[in-house]
Each structure stands twice: as structure tokens, then as C-alpha cells.
Protein backbone atom coordinates (compact mmCIF):
# COMPACT_ATOMS: atom_id res chain seq x y z
CA MET A 1 0.20 0.42 -0.39
CA GLY A 2 3.56 1.99 0.21
CA LYS A 3 3.42 2.40 4.21
CA ARG A 4 6.06 0.65 5.80
CA ASP A 5 3.85 1.03 8.81
CA GLU A 6 0.65 1.73 10.18
CA THR A 7 -0.97 2.80 13.30
CA LEU A 8 -4.84 1.24 14.30
CA GLU A 9 -6.60 2.15 16.94
CA PHE A 10 -9.27 0.19 18.53
CA GLU A 11 -11.72 0.49 21.60
CA ASP A 12 -10.33 -0.84 25.19
CA GLY A 13 -12.07 -3.37 26.15
CA GLN A 14 -12.05 -5.00 22.34
CA THR A 15 -10.90 -8.44 21.46
CA VAL A 16 -8.58 -7.54 18.57
CA THR A 17 -7.06 -10.43 16.51
CA VAL A 18 -5.04 -10.51 13.22
CA LYS A 19 -8.13 -11.87 11.05
CA ARG A 20 -10.07 -8.41 12.90
CA VAL A 21 -6.65 -6.35 11.36
CA LEU A 22 -6.40 -7.91 8.61
CA HIS A 23 -10.37 -7.66 7.65
CA VAL A 24 -9.75 -3.62 8.93
CA LEU A 25 -7.07 -2.90 6.73
CA ALA A 26 -9.03 -4.20 4.08
CA GLN A 27 -11.92 -1.84 4.40
CA ARG A 28 -9.20 0.81 4.45
CA TYR A 29 -7.45 0.74 1.58
CA GLY A 30 -9.37 -1.53 -0.49
CA LEU A 31 -9.83 -3.88 -3.38
CA ARG A 32 -6.43 -3.68 -3.76
CA PHE A 33 -5.02 -4.61 -0.59
CA ALA A 34 -8.04 -7.36 -0.50
CA GLU A 35 -7.35 -8.56 -3.84
CA TYR A 36 -3.49 -9.13 -2.69
CA VAL A 37 -4.76 -11.18 0.72
CA TYR A 38 -7.20 -12.84 -0.39
CA ASP A 39 -7.72 -15.48 -2.20
CA SER A 40 -11.07 -13.96 -4.73
CA GLN A 41 -12.87 -17.14 -4.72
CA SER A 42 -12.63 -19.12 -2.01
CA GLY A 43 -12.26 -15.74 0.93
CA ARG A 44 -9.27 -17.46 2.68
CA VAL A 45 -6.16 -15.17 3.02
CA ARG A 46 -3.68 -16.71 0.55
CA GLY A 47 -0.84 -19.53 1.27
CA PHE A 48 1.92 -17.48 0.62
CA LEU A 49 1.82 -14.73 2.42
CA GLN A 50 3.31 -14.51 5.61
CA PHE A 51 2.12 -13.09 9.61
CA PHE A 52 4.15 -11.96 12.27
CA VAL A 53 3.59 -10.87 16.44
CA ASN A 54 6.24 -9.64 17.60
CA GLY A 55 8.69 -10.79 15.53
CA ARG A 56 6.66 -14.72 15.88
CA ASN A 57 4.56 -16.75 13.40
CA VAL A 58 1.08 -16.42 13.93
CA GLU A 59 1.07 -19.91 13.22
CA ALA A 60 3.14 -20.85 16.79
CA ALA A 61 -0.01 -19.66 18.55
CA GLU A 62 -3.59 -19.26 17.19
CA GLY A 63 -3.14 -17.97 13.03
CA LEU A 64 -5.23 -15.59 12.19
CA GLU A 65 -7.24 -15.67 15.80
CA THR A 66 -4.33 -15.01 17.25
CA GLN A 67 -4.85 -11.90 19.99
CA LEU A 68 -3.21 -9.40 19.71
CA ALA A 69 -2.59 -6.97 22.85
CA ASP A 70 -1.51 -2.69 22.90
CA GLY A 71 1.56 -1.74 21.52
CA ASP A 72 2.20 -5.16 19.02
CA VAL A 73 3.71 -4.98 15.65
CA VAL A 74 1.42 -7.50 13.35
CA ALA A 75 3.70 -7.56 10.51
CA ILE A 76 2.52 -8.54 6.71
CA VAL A 77 5.89 -10.81 4.61
CA PRO A 78 4.99 -11.69 1.11
CA PRO A 79 7.37 -14.43 -0.32
CA VAL A 80 10.71 -13.71 -0.60
CA GLY A 81 13.01 -15.43 -3.78
CA GLY A 82 16.73 -15.46 -4.49
CA GLY A 83 18.97 -16.84 -4.49
């Protein structure tokens, strides 16, 4: 989206997950973001993306249902290739 980082704010007491963050970002950035993150046929998050919270892959926790706390940093990491 042309940004290195983005700060999101949620109401106190609200459960915030990685999945919710993706939903909010899709609303904020529209079709371009949604098509990059979600498969248009299944609606599922694309398998080539990795998501990290504070440097730890969410797959080691609760996946997209990983709950976030105030100040957590979520990273969306695209595939990297090279040689």
C-alpha cells in the first residue's frame, strides 16, 4: 500500500486478532489490498503470505485468531526469493 507501517486503534475491551486487523486494513485500503491478501475464489487468506506478531510467526500461536495486545506489531511478509 506504499507504507512501511500503519497504526490502528481499537476501543478498549475489544478483542483484536490478526484476522480483525486484516479486515480493518481491507476496509481502509479497498480492493487492491483485499485482492492481495484474500483469494477471490475461496475468500481465504493467501497461503504465500506470512503473518508475524512481535517477530513471531502466528502459525506458532493461534494462526489468524492470535489475539493482540496494546502495542503489538503485526507484520505481513510476502514471499521472498533469491539465490
